Amino acid sequence: MLILGIETSCDETSASIVKDGIDILSNVISSSLKYHKKFGGVVPEIATRHHVENIDKVINRSLYDAGIKTGDIDAVAVTDGPGLVGSLLTGISCAKAMSYSLDKPLIAVDHLKAHIYSAIMIKDAPHFPFIGLIISGGHTRLYMVKDFDSFELLGDTVDDAVGEAYDKVAKILGLGYPGGPVIDRLAKKGNPNAIKFTCKAVNGTLDFSFSGIKTAVLYHTRTQRRRDTKAQGIKDICASFQEAALKVIVENSIKAMDKYKIKTLVIGGGVSANSRFREMMQREAKYKDFKLYFPPMSLCSDNAAMTAGLGYKLYKKGIKAQLDMTVRV
């Protein structure tokens, strides 16, 4: 079964053809990142305009790469949220038009659940239930995943998501946008114990808070500006910040598995590409003997393959959307 996936939740315009939920025949992504860099973050109006101007080209290229025509697809899956309203509406409008004109089923896909699915688009997928962790620019969440359409929220960020914290710290240090890749790179050459930044779970729960550590970095750079603006000082700040921020994510994930007596952790989202985080989690998985699933690097960022893949699973369960569907914020 061939599913056309459409993803326009933020600044990537993506379309993908996936066969039977796991076989990616094409996955085309057009990013508007370069237009947002000078603003230090995503500008919704710019992102939406990029989607409008490129979505037809991206879909056509996806069909071409897969070697099929529009009439060959069996259903259309589209991200309906969460995300930027204007961006989501562009993808949804296109998906509804294609569904109607081709007389093909329409499937609405949750963006965060699709990120979790990106790590298990494999034949030997884990059995339910498992703990799902989302770490991205907009969300840091822990779920109890009982089925493809059954996610119970266990922990959430009460302020900044971890990806937002990376971006803000990078801005404080003058490292540009996005912050995740550059901080990860510089941290490898820094001392993670040079500065004692703290980041803890909220009141002993499974919730997260990253606003405080971002502010701590800001105050530290103000008081130590002359010394820490040197190259090694910035690397040490990056390493110390990253170690503390990632440590609480690892701890809460382990705590969730222990609390619910589950031995499988599935991770998705842009920050899942972070090299230090993967090292930390893989070490814990080996020490505590649990199964760990990361998405391949090509599926860490926003993409339509995960939308099409999860769309297939939902369709097989009889879950379809109507043409009056709209953005789910």
Protein backbone atom coordinates (compact mmCIF):
# COMPACT_ATOMS: atom_id res chain seq x y z
CA MET A 1 0.00 0.00 0.00
CA LEU A 2 1.41 3.39 -1.05
CA ILE A 3 0.86 6.40 1.21
CA LEU A 4 1.68 9.97 0.20
CA GLY A 5 2.79 11.89 3.28
CA ILE A 6 2.74 15.69 3.50
CA GLU A 7 4.52 17.55 6.32
CA THR A 8 4.42 21.34 6.74
CA SER A 9 4.28 21.87 10.50
CA CYS A 10 7.15 24.37 10.72
CA ASP A 11 9.89 25.42 8.29
CA GLU A 12 10.36 22.22 6.26
CA THR A 13 8.14 21.48 3.27
CA SER A 14 8.24 17.72 2.84
CA ALA A 15 6.51 15.00 0.84
CA SER A 16 7.19 11.28 0.91
CA ILE A 17 5.97 8.02 -0.57
CA VAL A 18 6.08 5.11 1.88
CA LYS A 19 5.07 1.54 1.11
CA ASP A 20 3.38 -0.53 3.82
CA GLY A 21 4.46 1.80 6.60
CA ILE A 22 8.23 1.15 6.52
CA ASP A 23 9.59 1.12 2.97
CA ILE A 24 10.56 4.72 2.11
CA LEU A 25 10.44 5.12 -1.68
CA SER A 26 11.07 8.88 -1.53
CA ASN A 27 11.42 11.59 1.08
CA VAL A 28 11.85 15.10 -0.31
CA ILE A 29 12.49 18.05 2.02
CA SER A 30 12.72 21.74 1.14
CA SER A 31 13.80 23.88 4.10
CA SER A 32 13.36 27.60 4.56
CA LEU A 33 15.98 27.66 7.34
CA LYS A 34 18.33 30.04 5.52
CA TYR A 35 15.61 32.72 5.46
CA HIS A 36 15.11 32.51 9.24
CA LYS A 37 18.74 32.57 10.36
CA LYS A 38 19.12 36.34 10.44
CA PHE A 39 16.07 36.58 12.73
CA GLY A 40 17.40 34.01 15.20
CA GLY A 41 14.33 31.79 14.91
CA VAL A 42 11.48 30.72 12.67
CA VAL A 43 9.31 33.55 11.30
CA PRO A 44 5.82 32.04 10.70
CA GLU A 45 4.98 34.27 7.72
CA ILE A 46 8.22 33.37 5.93
CA ALA A 47 7.72 29.66 6.64
CA THR A 48 4.16 29.74 5.31
CA ARG A 49 5.18 31.56 2.13
CA HIS A 50 7.89 28.97 1.52
CA HIS A 51 5.33 26.16 1.84
CA VAL A 52 2.92 27.83 -0.56
CA GLU A 53 5.63 28.41 -3.16
CA ASN A 54 7.21 24.95 -2.95
CA ILE A 55 4.67 22.34 -1.90
CA ASP A 56 3.62 21.37 -5.43
CA LYS A 57 7.26 21.04 -6.53
CA VAL A 58 8.11 18.91 -3.49
CA ILE A 59 5.15 16.57 -4.03
CA ASN A 60 5.91 16.19 -7.74
CA ARG A 61 9.55 15.42 -6.98
CA SER A 62 8.52 12.88 -4.36
CA LEU A 63 6.29 11.08 -6.88
CA TYR A 64 9.06 11.20 -9.48
CA ASP A 65 11.68 9.81 -7.10
CA ALA A 66 9.33 6.98 -6.14
CA GLY A 67 8.65 6.20 -9.79
CA ILE A 68 4.88 6.50 -9.49
CA LYS A 69 2.03 8.76 -10.60
CA THR A 70 -0.60 10.46 -8.46
CA GLY A 71 -3.16 7.81 -9.33
CA ASP A 72 -0.93 5.09 -7.87
CA ILE A 73 -1.17 6.31 -4.28
CA ASP A 74 -3.69 4.61 -2.01
CA ALA A 75 -4.15 7.38 0.57
CA VAL A 76 -2.93 10.84 1.59
CA ALA A 77 -1.55 11.40 5.08
CA VAL A 78 -0.95 14.94 6.34
CA THR A 79 0.31 16.52 9.55
CA ASP A 80 -2.57 18.33 11.27
CA GLY A 81 -0.64 19.58 14.33
CA PRO A 82 0.92 20.73 16.49
CA GLY A 83 2.81 23.42 14.62
CA LEU A 84 2.49 26.84 13.01
CA VAL A 85 -1.10 27.46 11.94
CA GLY A 86 -0.32 28.99 8.55
CA SER A 87 2.20 26.30 7.72
CA LEU A 88 -0.14 23.49 8.72
CA LEU A 89 -3.02 24.97 6.72
CA THR A 90 -0.91 24.92 3.57
CA GLY A 91 -0.25 21.20 3.85
CA ILE A 92 -3.77 20.36 4.96
CA SER A 93 -5.36 22.33 2.11
CA CYS A 94 -3.16 20.56 -0.42
CA ALA A 95 -3.83 17.13 1.09
CA LYS A 96 -7.58 17.69 1.12
CA ALA A 97 -7.55 18.83 -2.50
CA MET A 98 -5.61 15.74 -3.56
CA SER A 99 -7.81 13.42 -1.51
CA TYR A 100 -10.96 14.87 -3.05
CA SER A 101 -9.73 15.02 -6.65
CA LEU A 102 -8.21 11.52 -6.58
CA ASP A 103 -11.00 10.03 -4.44
CA LYS A 104 -8.43 8.67 -1.99
CA PRO A 105 -8.71 8.38 1.80
CA LEU A 106 -7.39 11.24 3.93
CA ILE A 107 -5.47 10.56 7.15
CA ALA A 108 -4.64 13.17 9.79
CA VAL A 109 -1.35 12.54 11.60
CA ASP A 110 -0.12 14.01 14.87
CA HIS A 111 3.34 15.49 14.35
CA LEU A 112 4.74 14.38 17.71
CA LYS A 113 3.46 10.83 17.39
CA ALA A 114 5.01 10.69 13.94
CA HIS A 115 8.38 11.62 15.46
CA ILE A 116 8.08 8.62 17.76
CA TYR A 117 7.16 6.43 14.80
CA SER A 118 10.26 7.60 12.90
CA ALA A 119 12.38 5.52 15.29
CA ILE A 120 10.41 2.32 14.71
CA MET A 121 9.92 2.35 10.93
CA ILE A 122 11.49 -1.09 10.90
CA LYS A 123 10.34 -4.68 10.54
CA ASP A 124 11.42 -5.64 14.05
CA ALA A 125 9.52 -2.82 15.77
CA PRO A 126 9.08 -2.98 19.55
CA HIS A 127 5.88 -4.32 21.08
CA PHE A 128 3.48 -2.07 22.96
CA PRO A 129 3.56 -0.59 25.51
CA PHE A 130 6.77 1.42 25.55
CA ILE A 131 7.95 4.82 26.77
CA GLY A 132 8.16 7.45 24.05
CA LEU A 133 10.37 10.54 24.36
CA ILE A 134 10.02 13.62 22.15
CA ILE A 135 12.93 16.07 22.19
CA SER A 136 12.71 18.89 19.66
CA GLY A 137 12.70 22.64 19.23
CA GLY A 138 9.12 22.97 20.40
CA HIS A 139 8.52 19.99 22.67
CA THR A 140 10.10 17.88 25.38
CA ARG A 141 7.62 15.18 26.36
CA LEU A 142 7.40 11.68 27.77
CA TYR A 143 4.57 9.38 26.73
CA MET A 144 3.28 5.97 27.61
CA VAL A 145 2.66 4.56 24.13
CA LYS A 146 0.04 1.81 24.15
CA ASP A 147 -0.76 1.74 20.43
CA PHE A 148 -0.28 3.80 17.30
CA ASP A 149 -3.27 5.90 18.31
CA SER A 150 -2.95 5.66 22.10
CA PHE A 151 -0.45 8.00 23.78
CA GLU A 152 -0.68 8.91 27.47
CA LEU A 153 1.23 12.05 28.46
CA LEU A 154 3.56 11.40 31.41
CA GLY A 155 5.77 14.47 31.44
CA ASP A 156 6.00 17.78 29.60
CA THR A 157 8.07 20.95 29.61
CA VAL A 158 6.61 23.73 31.74
CA ASP A 159 8.47 26.45 29.83
CA ASP A 160 11.15 26.16 27.15
CA ALA A 161 11.61 22.92 25.25
CA VAL A 162 15.17 21.61 25.18
CA GLY A 163 15.62 22.65 21.54
CA GLU A 164 14.52 26.18 22.40
CA ALA A 165 17.05 26.26 25.23
CA TYR A 166 19.82 25.28 22.80
CA ASP A 167 18.78 28.06 20.42
CA LYS A 168 18.64 30.68 23.18
CA VAL A 169 21.99 29.68 24.66
CA ALA A 170 23.52 29.82 21.18
CA LYS A 171 22.11 33.32 20.77
CA ILE A 172 23.57 34.40 24.12
CA LEU A 173 26.97 33.10 23.03
CA GLY A 174 26.72 34.64 19.56
CA LEU A 175 26.78 31.27 17.81
CA GLY A 176 23.87 31.83 15.43
CA TYR A 177 20.75 29.82 14.67
CA PRO A 178 19.93 26.97 14.98
CA GLY A 179 21.82 26.33 18.20
CA GLY A 180 21.67 22.55 18.53
CA PRO A 181 24.28 21.46 15.97
CA VAL A 182 26.84 24.16 16.81
CA ILE A 183 26.61 23.61 20.57
CA ASP A 184 26.90 19.85 20.11
CA ARG A 185 30.00 20.37 17.97
CA LEU A 186 31.72 22.86 20.30
CA ALA A 187 30.84 20.84 23.41
CA LYS A 188 33.00 17.97 22.17
CA LYS A 189 36.05 20.22 22.68
CA GLY A 190 34.91 21.63 26.01
CA ASN A 191 34.96 20.51 29.65
CA PRO A 192 31.46 19.48 30.83
CA ASN A 193 32.54 19.98 34.45
CA ALA A 194 34.01 23.44 33.98
CA ILE A 195 30.86 25.25 35.12
CA LYS A 196 28.21 23.91 37.48
CA PHE A 197 24.91 24.52 35.72
CA THR A 198 21.93 22.71 37.21
CA CYS A 199 18.80 21.44 35.53
CA LYS A 200 16.34 19.25 37.43
CA ALA A 201 12.92 17.69 37.01
CA VAL A 202 10.04 19.87 38.19
CA ASN A 203 9.15 19.08 41.81
CA GLY A 204 10.17 15.46 41.49
CA THR A 205 7.72 14.80 38.62
CA LEU A 206 8.45 13.70 35.07
CA ASP A 207 8.08 17.31 33.85
CA PHE A 208 10.96 19.38 32.48
CA SER A 209 12.09 22.99 32.80
CA PHE A 210 14.90 24.48 30.74
CA SER A 211 14.26 28.19 31.27
CA GLY A 212 16.37 28.32 34.41
CA ILE A 213 19.52 26.85 32.91
CA LYS A 214 19.23 29.21 29.95
CA THR A 215 19.08 32.14 32.36
CA ALA A 216 22.03 30.72 34.31
CA VAL A 217 24.10 30.71 31.13
CA LEU A 218 23.10 34.33 30.50
CA TYR A 219 24.14 35.47 34.00
CA HIS A 220 27.37 33.50 33.82
CA THR A 221 28.41 35.09 30.55
CA ARG A 222 27.62 38.55 31.93
CA THR A 223 29.77 38.09 35.02
CA GLN A 224 32.57 36.19 33.28
CA ARG A 225 32.38 37.86 29.91
CA ARG A 226 36.05 38.84 29.51
CA ARG A 227 37.36 35.36 30.24
CA ASP A 228 34.62 33.18 28.77
CA THR A 229 34.29 34.92 25.43
CA LYS A 230 37.61 33.33 24.53
CA ALA A 231 37.29 30.25 22.33
CA GLN A 232 37.93 27.67 25.05
CA GLY A 233 35.61 29.46 27.47
CA ILE A 234 32.72 29.22 25.01
CA LYS A 235 33.42 25.54 24.43
CA ASP A 236 33.35 24.90 28.18
CA ILE A 237 30.05 26.76 28.52
CA CYS A 238 28.58 24.70 25.68
CA ALA A 239 29.78 21.44 27.20
CA SER A 240 28.61 22.32 30.72
CA PHE A 241 25.20 23.52 29.53
CA GLN A 242 24.67 20.50 27.31
CA GLU A 243 25.67 17.99 29.97
CA ALA A 244 23.24 19.42 32.52
CA ALA A 245 20.33 19.81 30.09
CA LEU A 246 20.68 16.31 28.67
CA LYS A 247 21.23 14.71 32.07
CA VAL A 248 17.73 15.61 33.27
CA ILE A 249 16.20 14.16 30.10
CA VAL A 250 18.07 10.92 30.62
CA GLU A 251 17.09 10.80 34.30
CA ASN A 252 13.39 11.44 33.66
CA SER A 253 13.31 8.82 30.90
CA ILE A 254 14.86 6.21 33.20
CA LYS A 255 12.50 7.26 35.99
CA ALA A 256 9.49 6.77 33.69
CA MET A 257 10.62 3.28 32.70
CA ASP A 258 11.23 2.33 36.32
CA LYS A 259 7.90 3.75 37.47
CA TYR A 260 5.86 1.87 34.88
CA LYS A 261 8.12 -1.20 34.76
CA ILE A 262 8.79 -0.89 31.04
CA LYS A 263 12.06 -1.89 29.39
CA THR A 264 11.74 -0.13 26.02
CA LEU A 265 12.43 3.53 25.21
CA VAL A 266 11.70 5.05 21.79
CA ILE A 267 13.09 8.52 21.04
CA GLY A 268 12.22 11.01 18.30
CA GLY A 269 12.62 14.67 17.40
CA GLY A 270 15.42 16.92 16.18
CA VAL A 271 17.48 16.78 19.38
CA SER A 272 17.62 12.97 19.08
CA ALA A 273 20.41 13.63 16.55
CA ASN A 274 22.61 15.05 19.32
CA SER A 275 25.75 12.94 19.55
CA ARG A 276 26.29 13.38 23.30
CA PHE A 277 22.69 12.46 24.07
CA ARG A 278 22.99 9.27 22.06
CA GLU A 279 26.15 8.37 23.94
CA MET A 280 24.49 8.96 27.30
CA MET A 281 21.38 6.97 26.45
CA GLN A 282 23.28 4.08 24.90
CA ARG A 283 25.42 3.85 28.01
CA GLU A 284 22.32 3.75 30.23
CA ALA A 285 20.64 1.17 28.01
CA LYS A 286 23.65 -1.10 28.32
CA TYR A 287 23.97 -0.59 32.08
CA LYS A 288 20.26 -0.93 32.91
CA ASP A 289 19.49 -3.48 30.18
CA PHE A 290 16.63 -1.85 28.29
CA LYS A 291 15.88 -1.63 24.58
CA LEU A 292 16.60 1.71 22.96
CA TYR A 293 15.35 2.99 19.61
CA PHE A 294 16.63 6.12 17.86
CA PRO A 295 15.54 7.30 14.41
CA PRO A 296 18.18 7.30 11.66
CA MET A 297 19.76 10.73 11.21
CA SER A 298 17.75 11.30 8.03
CA LEU A 299 14.49 11.07 10.01
CA CYS A 300 15.41 13.11 13.10
CA SER A 301 14.27 16.45 11.69
CA ASP A 302 10.77 17.15 10.37
CA ASN A 303 10.00 14.94 7.38
CA ALA A 304 7.02 13.44 5.57
CA ALA A 305 8.23 9.84 5.66
CA MET A 306 7.29 9.53 9.31
CA THR A 307 3.90 11.11 8.51
CA ALA A 308 3.23 8.63 5.72
CA GLY A 309 4.50 5.72 7.83
CA LEU A 310 2.27 6.44 10.80
CA GLY A 311 -0.56 7.31 8.41
CA TYR A 312 -0.42 3.75 7.10
CA LYS A 313 -0.69 2.30 10.60
CA LEU A 314 -3.68 4.53 11.39
CA TYR A 315 -5.38 3.64 8.11
CA LYS A 316 -5.00 -0.07 8.86
CA LYS A 317 -6.82 0.57 12.13
CA GLY A 318 -9.68 2.21 10.23
CA ILE A 319 -8.81 5.75 11.28
CA LYS A 320 -9.53 8.28 8.55
CA ALA A 321 -10.20 12.03 8.43
CA GLN A 322 -13.03 13.93 6.80
CA LEU A 323 -12.65 16.75 4.30
CA ASP A 324 -13.73 19.30 6.93
CA MET A 325 -10.63 18.57 9.02
CA THR A 326 -8.49 21.53 9.98
CA VAL A 327 -5.47 22.50 12.07
CA ARG A 328 -5.22 20.94 15.50
CA VAL A 329 -3.12 23.31 17.62
